[in-house]
């Protein structure tokens, strides 16, 4: 593994990607700029991602649009709003949606500062509705705008409530699981429906059926087209989301046709590091043994090297390196404040890392290859390493604990059926499909839904679980954890008590054995609600701090 010194990456078609932060006042906004192979562009396009969970579904689509725009000669700039992604701030500090409008305006000013004589802005979903009052762009693309801010808030709130009800956990007062203050929610609800920016501003309006939204008054410079592929991107589960390539091509061609031929050439740059005086972060690229690139953000204490122990945060399914509801960012920055550095990474084919050989972004649960995780562990080196993952990422963290230099793993909600990836350790033994169907998915589903069943499985004596283990009626997770712990690794399993699906974790909770233990986080909370994530984040932070203190004192 070799870190890329210029902290940039070239795609197979030569597009140059730079990641970093741009400062404005006390805020640091994280951004990506996609540039043609020459490093110079004519004209800039600011890409405004949709809000909340819709950003996860559209992340790959926006990145692909940026690549296509760079191939067409533009500098494509995408970014994280304040309090989201890798930008500075917290959701609790975003008091008004005007802060995000200012983020958009700041990106337009940045493009102008690079020397761009022509700047366009593309807004997807609710971000399109935020664009109209923003000054500066020479052209606008409104991509599937929402009916109004009020309807958007109502929609995401109802969807979140149905999700929490299905998970059996208590809902909270947050906005779709994000702890934004009431003032922000109120201001977002007051955002109006889409309106054209002005009679002389060139505008492309993309709706699902190609018709004008209610209340929209088009001008002679407004062009309306259909974007029928939106449901396949936004209205399915995250790992089944599909990129609307036809719509992306329409946007690229429309923007290219409107760019003045005499637009000056620009060479965009971003700062690869930022610090608030307590935490310092850097955007980095690394390569594995096969030469495949992986993107990562390193967090460290700003005051010095800190603890020798490092934390590696692995992807959860199709989630990017920021983690669900930004959990990885919060944990990494919190630990850096206590002197523990970390690396949150996108493995090949996840988040912002390009697909590697044998990987597929549309199959995110296939499991990480050992060579990929080994490269990340090597990059995080300099002391003991703790691997952490959620769901499918928990299996990757457990696999990582077999690697040299890794002394512990934090596994949150191990998935029910781990997949086998090429080169994966033999600890993964999912058993036959028949056994999984009979043991994990039928009588256990019935048992966990009953109050007495829950009490029984939490109080079965050790000999019963020993019989289940020896007769192979118990799936493999407990055996895998026991084998890894037997090699001297520290393992912590964090389990939502209400979400127990099969006896592989019930047996683990019977007792704490040697170096591994189980931590149950409340029966009425879940990671999809803010209190559940706060509880898990605090638990992980204290675990890593405790291990780091013990290991750093070793001779």
Protein backbone atom coordinates (compact mmCIF):
# COMPACT_ATOMS: atom_id res chain seq x y z
CA UNK A 1 0.00 0.00 0.00
CA UNK A 2 1.30 3.41 -0.96
CA UNK A 3 -0.42 6.66 0.06
CA UNK A 4 -0.93 9.00 -2.88
CA UNK A 5 1.25 12.00 -2.11
CA UNK A 6 -0.85 14.53 -4.02
CA UNK A 7 -3.95 13.18 -2.28
CA UNK A 8 -5.72 12.94 -5.60
CA UNK A 9 -6.94 10.11 -7.76
CA UNK A 10 -7.31 9.49 -11.46
CA UNK A 11 -10.19 7.40 -12.75
CA UNK A 12 -9.61 4.92 -15.60
CA UNK A 13 -10.74 7.58 -18.09
CA UNK A 14 -8.21 10.05 -16.67
CA UNK A 15 -10.56 12.28 -14.68
CA UNK A 16 -8.71 13.89 -11.78
CA UNK A 17 -10.48 13.78 -8.39
CA UNK A 18 -9.47 16.05 -5.54
CA UNK A 19 -11.04 15.94 -2.09
CA UNK A 20 -10.63 18.48 0.68
CA UNK A 21 -12.11 21.34 2.62
CA UNK A 22 -12.82 24.97 1.90
CA UNK A 23 -12.92 27.45 4.78
CA UNK A 24 -15.41 30.29 5.15
CA UNK A 25 -15.48 32.01 8.53
CA UNK A 26 -15.38 29.32 11.20
CA UNK A 27 -16.87 26.61 8.97
CA UNK A 28 -15.01 24.00 6.92
CA UNK A 29 -17.06 22.51 4.10
CA UNK A 30 -15.90 19.20 2.69
CA UNK A 31 -15.98 19.00 -1.10
CA UNK A 32 -14.94 17.02 -4.14
CA UNK A 33 -13.86 18.57 -7.41
CA UNK A 34 -13.79 16.47 -10.60
CA UNK A 35 -11.48 17.93 -13.24
CA UNK A 36 -10.59 16.89 -16.84
CA UNK A 37 -7.38 14.85 -17.25
CA UNK A 38 -5.35 17.97 -18.05
CA UNK A 39 -6.12 19.44 -14.63
CA UNK A 40 -7.79 22.44 -16.26
CA UNK A 41 -11.47 23.04 -16.99
CA UNK A 42 -13.70 25.53 -18.78
CA UNK A 43 -16.70 26.47 -16.67
CA UNK A 44 -17.79 25.04 -13.34
CA UNK A 45 -20.89 23.17 -12.15
CA UNK A 46 -21.92 23.14 -8.48
CA UNK A 47 -23.75 19.90 -7.63
CA UNK A 48 -26.15 20.16 -4.68
CA UNK A 49 -27.01 16.73 -3.28
CA UNK A 50 -30.47 15.97 -1.89
CA UNK A 51 -31.13 16.19 1.81
CA UNK A 52 -31.16 13.60 4.61
CA UNK A 53 -31.45 9.92 3.64
CA UNK A 54 -32.02 10.72 -0.04
CA UNK A 55 -28.35 11.70 -0.22
CA UNK A 56 -27.36 8.08 0.48
CA UNK A 57 -29.47 6.81 -2.42
CA UNK A 58 -28.19 9.41 -4.88
CA UNK A 59 -24.52 9.49 -3.82
CA UNK A 60 -23.25 7.30 -6.66
CA UNK A 61 -25.46 9.09 -9.19
CA UNK A 62 -24.13 12.53 -8.23
CA UNK A 63 -20.54 11.22 -8.35
CA UNK A 64 -21.14 9.74 -11.80
CA UNK A 65 -22.66 13.01 -12.99
CA UNK A 66 -19.53 14.81 -11.75
CA UNK A 67 -17.31 12.39 -13.68
CA UNK A 68 -19.35 12.85 -16.87
CA UNK A 69 -19.18 16.62 -16.49
CA UNK A 70 -15.41 16.48 -16.06
CA UNK A 71 -15.16 14.38 -19.22
CA UNK A 72 -17.11 17.16 -20.96
CA UNK A 73 -14.52 19.73 -19.85
CA UNK A 74 -16.21 21.15 -16.73
CA UNK A 75 -14.96 21.41 -13.17
CA UNK A 76 -17.69 19.60 -11.21
CA UNK A 77 -17.91 20.54 -7.52
CA UNK A 78 -19.93 18.46 -5.05
CA UNK A 79 -19.95 19.08 -1.31
CA UNK A 80 -21.37 18.23 2.12
CA UNK A 81 -23.66 20.72 3.81
CA UNK A 82 -22.65 22.13 7.20
CA UNK A 83 -23.29 19.57 9.94
CA UNK A 84 -23.43 16.68 7.45
CA UNK A 85 -20.90 14.34 5.85
CA UNK A 86 -17.28 15.31 6.45
CA UNK A 87 -18.01 19.04 6.82
CA UNK A 88 -17.53 20.73 10.17
CA UNK A 89 -20.31 21.32 12.65
CA UNK A 90 -23.06 19.11 14.02
CA UNK A 91 -26.73 18.78 13.03
CA UNK A 92 -27.66 20.30 16.38
CA UNK A 93 -25.85 23.50 15.36
CA UNK A 94 -27.75 23.99 12.08
CA UNK A 95 -30.37 26.43 13.30
CA UNK A 96 -31.90 27.39 9.95
CA UNK A 97 -32.00 26.11 6.38
CA UNK A 98 -30.46 29.46 5.39
CA UNK A 99 -27.13 27.97 6.55
CA UNK A 100 -27.34 25.40 3.77
CA UNK A 101 -28.31 28.05 1.25
CA UNK A 102 -25.16 29.88 2.31
CA UNK A 103 -23.20 26.65 1.74
CA UNK A 104 -24.44 26.61 -1.85
CA UNK A 105 -23.61 30.28 -2.32
CA UNK A 106 -20.12 29.65 -0.88
CA UNK A 107 -19.51 26.92 -3.47
CA UNK A 108 -20.54 29.30 -6.26
CA UNK A 109 -18.15 31.93 -4.88
CA UNK A 110 -15.39 29.31 -4.70
CA UNK A 111 -15.88 28.48 -8.38
CA UNK A 112 -15.69 32.19 -9.20
CA UNK A 113 -12.53 32.48 -7.10
CA UNK A 114 -10.96 29.75 -9.23
CA UNK A 115 -11.54 32.05 -12.19
CA UNK A 116 -14.64 30.40 -13.66
CA UNK A 117 -16.42 32.86 -15.96
CA UNK A 118 -19.49 30.61 -16.28
CA UNK A 119 -21.01 28.70 -13.34
CA UNK A 120 -24.08 26.45 -13.33
CA UNK A 121 -25.87 24.92 -10.32
CA UNK A 122 -27.62 21.54 -10.23
CA UNK A 123 -30.03 20.78 -7.38
CA UNK A 124 -31.49 17.33 -6.78
CA UNK A 125 -34.82 16.90 -4.97
CA UNK A 126 -35.19 19.35 -2.02
CA UNK A 127 -31.83 20.92 -2.87
CA UNK A 128 -33.41 22.20 -6.10
CA UNK A 129 -35.93 24.14 -4.02
CA UNK A 130 -33.08 25.73 -2.03
CA UNK A 131 -31.37 27.02 -5.17
CA UNK A 132 -33.68 29.79 -6.37
CA UNK A 133 -32.69 32.57 -3.92
CA UNK A 134 -28.96 31.73 -4.29
CA UNK A 135 -27.19 34.45 -6.29
CA UNK A 136 -24.44 33.87 -8.82
CA UNK A 137 -25.16 30.89 -11.12
CA UNK A 138 -25.51 31.53 -14.85
CA UNK A 139 -27.71 28.45 -15.36
CA UNK A 140 -29.83 26.17 -13.19
CA UNK A 141 -30.83 22.51 -13.35
CA UNK A 142 -33.75 21.56 -11.09
CA UNK A 143 -33.63 17.77 -10.92
CA UNK A 144 -36.85 16.23 -9.57
CA UNK A 145 -37.69 19.06 -7.13
CA UNK A 146 -40.02 18.38 -4.20
CA UNK A 147 -43.52 19.83 -4.12
CA UNK A 148 -42.66 22.02 -1.11
CA UNK A 149 -40.57 21.95 2.03
CA UNK A 150 -43.63 21.09 4.08
CA UNK A 151 -44.50 18.08 1.93
CA UNK A 152 -40.87 16.91 2.03
CA UNK A 153 -40.71 17.10 5.84
CA UNK A 154 -44.04 15.27 6.09
CA UNK A 155 -42.85 12.56 3.70
CA UNK A 156 -39.53 11.83 5.43
CA UNK A 157 -41.18 11.98 8.86
CA UNK A 158 -43.85 9.42 7.96
CA UNK A 159 -41.27 7.16 6.34
CA UNK A 160 -39.07 7.34 9.44
CA UNK A 161 -41.97 6.58 11.75
CA UNK A 162 -42.95 3.54 9.71
CA UNK A 163 -39.33 2.34 9.82
CA UNK A 164 -39.03 2.72 13.58
CA UNK A 165 -42.38 1.00 14.09
CA UNK A 166 -41.26 -1.93 11.95
CA UNK A 167 -38.02 -2.14 13.94
CA UNK A 168 -39.96 -2.15 17.19
CA UNK A 169 -38.11 0.82 18.66
CA UNK A 170 -39.28 4.06 20.14
CA UNK A 171 -39.45 7.06 17.79
CA UNK A 172 -37.87 10.35 18.77
CA UNK A 173 -38.42 14.01 17.98
CA UNK A 174 -35.63 14.23 15.42
CA UNK A 175 -36.06 14.81 11.70
CA UNK A 176 -35.87 11.37 10.10
CA UNK A 177 -33.36 10.28 12.75
CA UNK A 178 -31.18 13.40 12.46
CA UNK A 179 -31.03 15.60 15.59
CA UNK A 180 -31.69 18.92 13.84
CA UNK A 181 -33.21 21.60 16.08
CA UNK A 182 -36.85 22.59 15.82
CA UNK A 183 -35.95 25.91 14.18
CA UNK A 184 -34.27 24.12 11.30
CA UNK A 185 -37.24 21.82 10.75
CA UNK A 186 -39.57 24.81 10.79
CA UNK A 187 -37.47 26.74 8.27
CA UNK A 188 -37.22 23.70 6.00
CA UNK A 189 -40.99 23.33 6.11
CA UNK A 190 -41.32 26.93 4.93
CA UNK A 191 -39.30 26.32 1.75
CA UNK A 192 -41.57 27.02 -1.21
CA UNK A 193 -42.22 24.94 -4.29
CA UNK A 194 -39.97 25.27 -7.29
CA UNK A 195 -39.88 28.63 -9.07
CA UNK A 196 -37.85 29.74 -12.07
CA UNK A 197 -34.95 32.06 -11.19
CA UNK A 198 -35.60 34.81 -13.75
CA UNK A 199 -36.65 35.54 -17.33
CA UNK A 200 -33.08 35.68 -18.66
CA UNK A 201 -31.56 32.73 -16.77
CA UNK A 202 -31.27 29.48 -18.66
CA UNK A 203 -33.05 26.72 -16.71
CA UNK A 204 -33.60 22.98 -17.13
CA UNK A 205 -36.48 21.49 -15.14
CA UNK A 206 -36.57 17.70 -14.83
CA UNK A 207 -39.74 16.12 -13.46
CA UNK A 208 -40.73 12.48 -13.30
CA UNK A 209 -43.40 12.73 -15.99
CA UNK A 210 -42.13 15.78 -17.84
CA UNK A 211 -44.95 18.05 -16.69
CA UNK A 212 -44.69 21.39 -14.91
CA UNK A 213 -44.99 21.33 -11.10
CA UNK A 214 -48.04 23.01 -9.62
CA UNK A 215 -47.49 26.75 -9.27
CA UNK A 216 -44.38 26.88 -11.47
CA UNK A 217 -44.42 29.71 -14.01
CA UNK A 218 -41.85 28.91 -16.74
CA UNK A 219 -40.08 31.55 -18.79
CA UNK A 220 -38.85 31.47 -22.37
CA UNK A 221 -35.48 30.21 -21.05
CA UNK A 222 -37.04 27.27 -19.19
CA UNK A 223 -36.87 23.80 -20.71
CA UNK A 224 -38.91 20.95 -19.19
CA UNK A 225 -37.97 17.29 -19.65
CA UNK A 226 -38.86 13.95 -18.07
CA UNK A 227 -36.74 12.05 -15.55
CA UNK A 228 -38.65 8.75 -15.28
CA UNK A 229 -35.85 6.76 -13.61
CA UNK A 230 -36.11 8.54 -10.25
CA UNK A 231 -38.13 5.86 -8.38
CA UNK A 232 -35.49 3.23 -9.19
CA UNK A 233 -32.90 5.42 -7.50
CA UNK A 234 -34.82 6.83 -4.53
CA UNK A 235 -37.76 4.57 -3.72
CA UNK A 236 -35.95 1.28 -3.13
CA UNK A 237 -33.63 -0.01 -0.44
CA UNK A 238 -30.18 1.54 -0.56
CA UNK A 239 -28.30 -1.45 -1.92
CA UNK A 240 -30.85 -1.84 -4.76
CA UNK A 241 -30.66 1.79 -5.85
CA UNK A 242 -30.00 2.28 -9.58
CA UNK A 243 -28.26 5.20 -11.28
CA UNK A 244 -30.47 7.12 -13.78
CA UNK A 245 -27.84 7.25 -16.53
CA UNK A 246 -30.22 8.55 -19.20
CA UNK A 247 -31.10 11.56 -17.02
CA UNK A 248 -27.43 12.19 -16.29
CA UNK A 249 -26.66 12.26 -20.00
CA UNK A 250 -29.47 14.77 -20.59
CA UNK A 251 -28.00 17.09 -17.92
CA UNK A 252 -24.47 16.86 -19.31
CA UNK A 253 -25.55 17.60 -22.88
CA UNK A 254 -27.79 20.48 -21.81
CA UNK A 255 -25.02 22.12 -19.77
CA UNK A 256 -22.45 21.62 -22.51
CA UNK A 257 -24.70 23.27 -25.07
CA UNK A 258 -25.05 26.39 -22.91
CA UNK A 259 -21.41 26.92 -21.94
CA UNK A 260 -19.83 29.91 -23.73
CA UNK A 261 -17.01 28.92 -26.05
CA UNK A 262 -14.75 31.63 -24.67
CA UNK A 263 -14.96 30.43 -21.03
CA UNK A 264 -11.53 30.86 -19.38
CA UNK A 265 -9.57 27.82 -18.26
CA UNK A 266 -9.34 27.19 -14.52
CA UNK A 267 -7.26 24.87 -12.30
CA UNK A 268 -9.38 24.07 -9.20
CA UNK A 269 -7.77 23.19 -5.88
CA UNK A 270 -8.96 22.27 -2.36
CA UNK A 271 -7.15 22.08 0.96
CA UNK A 272 -6.58 18.39 1.81
CA UNK A 273 -6.61 19.09 5.58
CA UNK A 274 -8.56 21.08 8.15
CA UNK A 275 -8.46 21.59 11.90
CA UNK A 276 -10.62 23.25 14.51
CA UNK A 277 -7.79 23.37 17.05
CA UNK A 278 -8.88 20.12 18.71
CA UNK A 279 -9.29 17.70 15.79
CA UNK A 280 -7.24 17.60 12.60
CA UNK A 281 -8.43 15.69 9.54
CA UNK A 282 -6.97 14.88 6.14
CA UNK A 283 -8.41 13.40 2.94
CA UNK A 284 -6.20 10.59 1.67
CA UNK A 285 -5.97 7.95 -1.04
CA UNK A 286 -4.30 4.59 -0.63
CA UNK A 287 -3.85 1.54 -2.79
CA UNK A 288 -4.07 -2.14 -1.95
CA UNK A 289 -1.75 -4.87 -3.19
CA UNK A 290 -3.62 -5.05 -6.50
CA UNK A 291 -3.15 -1.35 -7.20
CA UNK A 292 -6.82 -0.51 -6.53
CA UNK A 293 -7.57 2.84 -4.93
CA UNK A 294 -9.43 3.45 -1.69
CA UNK A 295 -10.49 6.79 -0.24
CA UNK A 296 -10.24 7.56 3.47
CA UNK A 297 -10.44 10.40 5.95
CA UNK A 298 -7.92 10.35 8.78
CA UNK A 299 -8.78 12.00 12.12
CA UNK A 300 -6.14 12.77 14.74
CA UNK A 301 -5.67 15.09 17.73
CA UNK A 302 -4.52 18.53 16.57
CA UNK A 303 -2.19 18.90 19.56
CA UNK A 304 0.15 16.03 18.69
CA UNK A 305 0.48 12.32 17.89
CA UNK A 306 -1.79 11.16 20.74
CA UNK A 307 -2.28 7.49 21.56
CA UNK A 308 -0.48 4.78 19.61
CA UNK A 309 -3.72 2.84 19.20
CA UNK A 310 -5.72 3.59 16.04
CA UNK A 311 -9.33 2.88 15.09
CA UNK A 312 -10.32 1.71 11.60
CA UNK A 313 -13.98 2.31 10.69
CA UNK A 314 -15.24 -0.01 7.92
CA UNK A 315 -18.22 0.38 5.59
CA UNK A 316 -21.65 -0.91 6.47
CA UNK A 317 -23.17 -2.33 3.30
CA UNK A 318 -23.72 0.44 0.78
CA UNK A 319 -23.08 3.20 3.33
CA UNK A 320 -20.11 5.46 2.69
CA UNK A 321 -17.28 6.15 5.13
CA UNK A 322 -19.35 8.69 7.10
CA UNK A 323 -21.48 5.84 8.50
CA UNK A 324 -25.22 5.68 9.13
CA UNK A 325 -26.55 9.11 10.03
CA UNK A 326 -22.90 10.28 10.20
CA UNK A 327 -22.09 7.99 13.14
CA UNK A 328 -18.51 7.29 12.00
CA UNK A 329 -17.69 10.99 11.73
CA UNK A 330 -19.05 11.73 15.20
CA UNK A 331 -17.13 8.83 16.74
CA UNK A 332 -13.86 9.63 14.96
CA UNK A 333 -13.89 13.29 15.97
CA UNK A 334 -14.89 12.47 19.53
CA UNK A 335 -12.01 10.00 19.89
CA UNK A 336 -9.56 12.47 18.36
CA UNK A 337 -10.56 14.90 21.10
CA UNK A 338 -9.46 12.24 23.59
CA UNK A 339 -6.17 11.63 21.79
CA UNK A 340 -7.08 8.53 19.72
CA UNK A 341 -6.63 8.71 15.95
CA UNK A 342 -8.79 6.90 13.42
CA UNK A 343 -9.25 6.16 9.74
CA UNK A 344 -12.73 5.94 8.18
CA UNK A 345 -12.42 4.29 4.82
CA UNK A 346 -14.37 3.40 1.69
CA UNK A 347 -13.34 -0.05 0.52
CA UNK A 348 -13.28 -0.66 -3.27
CA UNK A 349 -16.75 -0.24 -4.71
CA UNK A 350 -18.12 1.53 -1.61
CA UNK A 351 -18.82 5.22 -1.10
CA UNK A 352 -16.25 7.34 -2.91
CA UNK A 353 -13.85 4.54 -3.81
CA UNK A 354 -14.00 3.22 -7.39
CA UNK A 355 -14.99 -0.43 -7.87
CA UNK A 356 -12.04 -2.79 -7.77
CA UNK A 357 -11.56 -6.00 -9.67
CA UNK A 358 -14.12 -8.55 -8.57
CA UNK A 359 -16.22 -5.97 -6.69
CA UNK A 360 -19.57 -4.46 -7.57
CA UNK A 361 -21.13 -1.36 -6.06
CA UNK A 362 -24.57 -2.87 -6.45
CA UNK A 363 -23.66 -5.89 -4.28
CA UNK A 364 -22.33 -4.20 -1.15
CA UNK A 365 -22.91 -7.16 1.17
CA UNK A 366 -20.49 -9.52 -0.56
CA UNK A 367 -17.92 -8.92 2.17
CA UNK A 368 -14.60 -7.15 2.07
CA UNK A 369 -11.53 -8.87 0.69
CA UNK A 370 -8.79 -9.51 3.20
CA UNK A 371 -6.26 -7.72 0.98
CA UNK A 372 -8.34 -4.52 1.09
CA UNK A 373 -8.67 -4.54 4.87
CA UNK A 374 -4.99 -5.43 5.25
CA UNK A 375 -4.03 -2.34 3.23
CA UNK A 376 -6.18 -0.15 5.46
CA UNK A 377 -4.69 -1.68 8.62
CA UNK A 378 -1.19 -1.07 7.26
CA UNK A 379 -2.05 2.55 6.51
CA UNK A 380 -3.45 3.02 10.04
CA UNK A 381 -0.35 1.40 11.57
CA UNK A 382 2.04 2.85 14.12
CA UNK A 383 0.58 0.90 17.02
CA UNK A 384 -2.30 -1.38 17.92
CA UNK A 385 -5.35 -1.23 15.63
CA UNK A 386 -9.03 -1.64 16.51
CA UNK A 387 -11.39 -2.53 13.64
CA UNK A 388 -15.03 -1.49 13.91
CA UNK A 389 -18.00 -2.25 11.69
CA UNK A 390 -21.78 -2.36 11.66
CA UNK A 391 -23.94 -5.16 10.26
CA UNK A 392 -22.03 -6.55 7.24
CA UNK A 393 -19.12 -4.32 8.29
CA UNK A 394 -19.09 -6.13 11.64
CA UNK A 395 -18.11 -9.32 9.82
CA UNK A 396 -15.33 -7.41 8.06
CA UNK A 397 -14.14 -6.12 11.44
CA UNK A 398 -14.17 -9.65 12.84
CA UNK A 399 -12.15 -10.85 9.84
CA UNK A 400 -9.73 -7.94 10.30
CA UNK A 401 -9.04 -9.10 13.85
CA UNK A 402 -7.15 -12.04 12.34
CA UNK A 403 -4.61 -9.69 10.73
CA UNK A 404 -1.24 -8.80 12.28
CA UNK A 405 -1.36 -5.50 14.14
CA UNK A 406 -5.08 -5.71 14.89
CA UNK A 407 -5.62 -6.29 18.60
CA UNK A 408 -9.36 -5.79 18.86
CA UNK A 409 -12.66 -5.55 17.00
CA UNK A 410 -15.95 -3.82 17.79
CA UNK A 411 -18.79 -5.59 15.99
CA UNK A 412 -22.18 -3.84 15.99
CA UNK A 413 -25.26 -5.89 15.07
CA UNK A 414 -23.61 -8.70 13.12
CA UNK A 415 -25.71 -9.52 10.07
CA UNK A 416 -27.83 -12.65 10.14
CA UNK A 417 -26.22 -14.36 7.16
CA UNK A 418 -22.64 -13.38 6.35
CA UNK A 419 -21.72 -13.71 2.70
CA UNK A 420 -18.59 -15.40 1.45
CA UNK A 421 -16.21 -13.20 -0.51
CA UNK A 422 -13.20 -14.42 -2.51
CA UNK A 423 -10.26 -14.78 -0.15
CA UNK A 424 -12.36 -14.43 3.01
CA UNK A 425 -11.12 -16.24 6.14
CA UNK A 426 -12.56 -19.63 6.91
CA UNK A 427 -14.20 -18.30 10.08
CA UNK A 428 -17.25 -17.55 7.94
CA UNK A 429 -19.32 -20.73 7.86
CA UNK A 430 -22.93 -19.87 7.05
CA UNK A 431 -23.96 -23.50 6.76
CA UNK A 432 -26.52 -24.91 4.38
CA UNK A 433 -29.43 -22.93 3.02
CA UNK A 434 -31.80 -25.46 4.58
CA UNK A 435 -30.35 -25.00 8.05
CA UNK A 436 -30.44 -21.21 7.71
CA UNK A 437 -34.06 -21.35 6.58
CA UNK A 438 -35.17 -23.71 9.33
CA UNK A 439 -33.09 -22.47 12.23
CA UNK A 440 -32.68 -18.76 11.59
CA UNK A 441 -35.72 -17.68 9.66
CA UNK A 442 -38.72 -19.65 10.88
CA UNK A 443 -39.04 -20.79 14.48
CA UNK A 444 -36.61 -18.13 15.65
CA UNK A 445 -38.62 -15.34 14.05
CA UNK A 446 -41.68 -16.64 15.86
CA UNK A 447 -39.83 -17.05 19.15
CA UNK A 448 -38.30 -13.57 19.23
CA UNK A 449 -41.72 -11.98 18.79
CA UNK A 450 -43.00 -13.38 22.08
CA UNK A 451 -42.22 -11.98 25.49
CA UNK A 452 -41.68 -15.40 27.03
CA UNK A 453 -39.47 -16.45 24.11
CA UNK A 454 -37.21 -13.46 24.70
CA UNK A 455 -36.88 -14.33 28.38
CA UNK A 456 -36.14 -17.98 27.61
CA UNK A 457 -33.32 -17.33 25.17
CA UNK A 458 -31.70 -14.81 27.47
CA UNK A 459 -31.64 -17.26 30.39
CA UNK A 460 -30.86 -20.63 28.84
CA UNK A 461 -28.04 -22.34 30.74
CA UNK A 462 -24.64 -22.90 29.19
CA UNK A 463 -25.06 -26.68 28.58
CA UNK A 464 -28.05 -26.01 26.31
CA UNK A 465 -26.03 -23.69 24.13
CA UNK A 466 -23.17 -26.22 24.18
CA UNK A 467 -25.55 -28.82 22.71
CA UNK A 468 -26.76 -26.37 20.07
CA UNK A 469 -23.18 -25.59 19.17
CA UNK A 470 -22.08 -29.22 18.92
CA UNK A 471 -25.14 -30.23 16.88
CA UNK A 472 -24.57 -27.29 14.48
CA UNK A 473 -28.03 -25.92 15.20
CA UNK A 474 -26.36 -22.70 16.25
CA UNK A 475 -24.99 -20.58 13.36
CA UNK A 476 -21.37 -19.68 13.16
CA UNK A 477 -20.91 -16.24 14.71
CA UNK A 478 -20.22 -17.43 18.24
CA UNK A 479 -17.71 -20.01 17.03
CA UNK A 480 -16.01 -17.40 14.83
CA UNK A 481 -15.81 -14.94 17.71
CA UNK A 482 -14.48 -17.61 20.03
CA UNK A 483 -11.77 -18.59 17.54
CA UNK A 484 -10.66 -14.99 17.03
CA UNK A 485 -10.68 -14.32 20.78
CA UNK A 486 -8.66 -17.50 21.25
CA UNK A 487 -5.88 -15.86 19.26
CA UNK A 488 -5.56 -13.18 21.90
CA UNK A 489 -7.78 -10.54 20.30
CA UNK A 490 -10.23 -8.34 22.21
CA UNK A 491 -13.74 -8.61 20.76
CA UNK A 492 -16.81 -6.58 21.74
CA UNK A 493 -20.23 -7.36 20.31
CA UNK A 494 -22.80 -4.56 20.50
CA UNK A 495 -26.31 -5.90 20.11
CA UNK A 496 -29.74 -4.28 20.04
CA UNK A 497 -31.63 -6.50 22.46
CA UNK A 498 -34.96 -6.13 20.65
CA UNK A 499 -33.31 -7.01 17.33
CA UNK A 500 -31.90 -10.43 18.22
CA UNK A 501 -32.65 -12.68 15.27
CA UNK A 502 -31.01 -16.00 16.00
CA UNK A 503 -29.20 -17.98 18.71
CA UNK A 504 -25.70 -17.10 17.47
CA UNK A 505 -25.83 -13.95 19.60
CA UNK A 506 -28.05 -15.35 22.32
CA UNK A 507 -25.38 -17.90 23.12
CA UNK A 508 -22.78 -15.15 23.13
CA UNK A 509 -24.73 -13.24 25.74
CA UNK A 510 -24.80 -16.18 28.14
CA UNK A 511 -21.44 -15.20 29.62
CA UNK A 512 -18.35 -13.13 29.09
CA UNK A 513 -15.53 -15.41 28.01
CA UNK A 514 -11.97 -14.22 28.38
CA UNK A 515 -11.26 -11.36 26.02
CA UNK A 516 -14.69 -11.01 24.46
CA UNK A 517 -17.97 -9.69 25.75
CA UNK A 518 -21.42 -8.58 24.68
CA UNK A 519 -22.91 -5.15 25.27
CA UNK A 520 -26.67 -4.82 24.79
CA UNK A 521 -27.96 -1.34 23.99
CA UNK A 522 -31.53 -0.96 25.21
CA UNK A 523 -34.63 -2.79 24.10
CA UNK A 524 -36.40 0.35 22.85
CA UNK A 525 -33.63 2.03 20.88
CA UNK A 526 -32.06 1.46 17.51
CA UNK A 527 -29.39 3.03 15.33
CA UNK A 528 -32.10 4.60 13.16
CA UNK A 529 -33.00 6.96 16.01
CA UNK A 530 -30.69 9.59 17.48
CA UNK A 531 -30.72 8.30 21.12
CA UNK A 532 -29.73 4.81 20.00
CA UNK A 533 -26.81 6.10 17.93
CA UNK A 534 -25.68 8.38 20.77
CA UNK A 535 -25.68 5.42 23.15
CA UNK A 536 -23.72 3.20 20.76
CA UNK A 537 -21.26 5.98 19.90
CA UNK A 538 -20.55 6.59 23.59
CA UNK A 539 -20.14 2.87 24.24
CA UNK A 540 -17.71 2.48 21.33
CA UNK A 541 -15.74 5.53 22.40
CA UNK A 542 -15.31 4.25 25.95
CA UNK A 543 -14.36 0.77 24.73
CA UNK A 544 -11.67 2.09 22.41
CA UNK A 545 -10.36 4.51 25.03
CA UNK A 546 -10.14 1.70 27.59
CA UNK A 547 -8.29 -0.60 25.19
CA UNK A 548 -5.98 2.19 24.02
CA UNK A 549 -5.04 3.08 27.59
CA UNK A 550 -4.21 -0.56 28.34
CA UNK A 551 -2.29 -1.25 25.13
CA UNK A 552 -0.34 2.01 25.09
CA UNK A 553 1.00 1.19 28.52
CA UNK A 554 2.44 -2.11 27.24
CA UNK A 555 6.23 -2.06 26.91
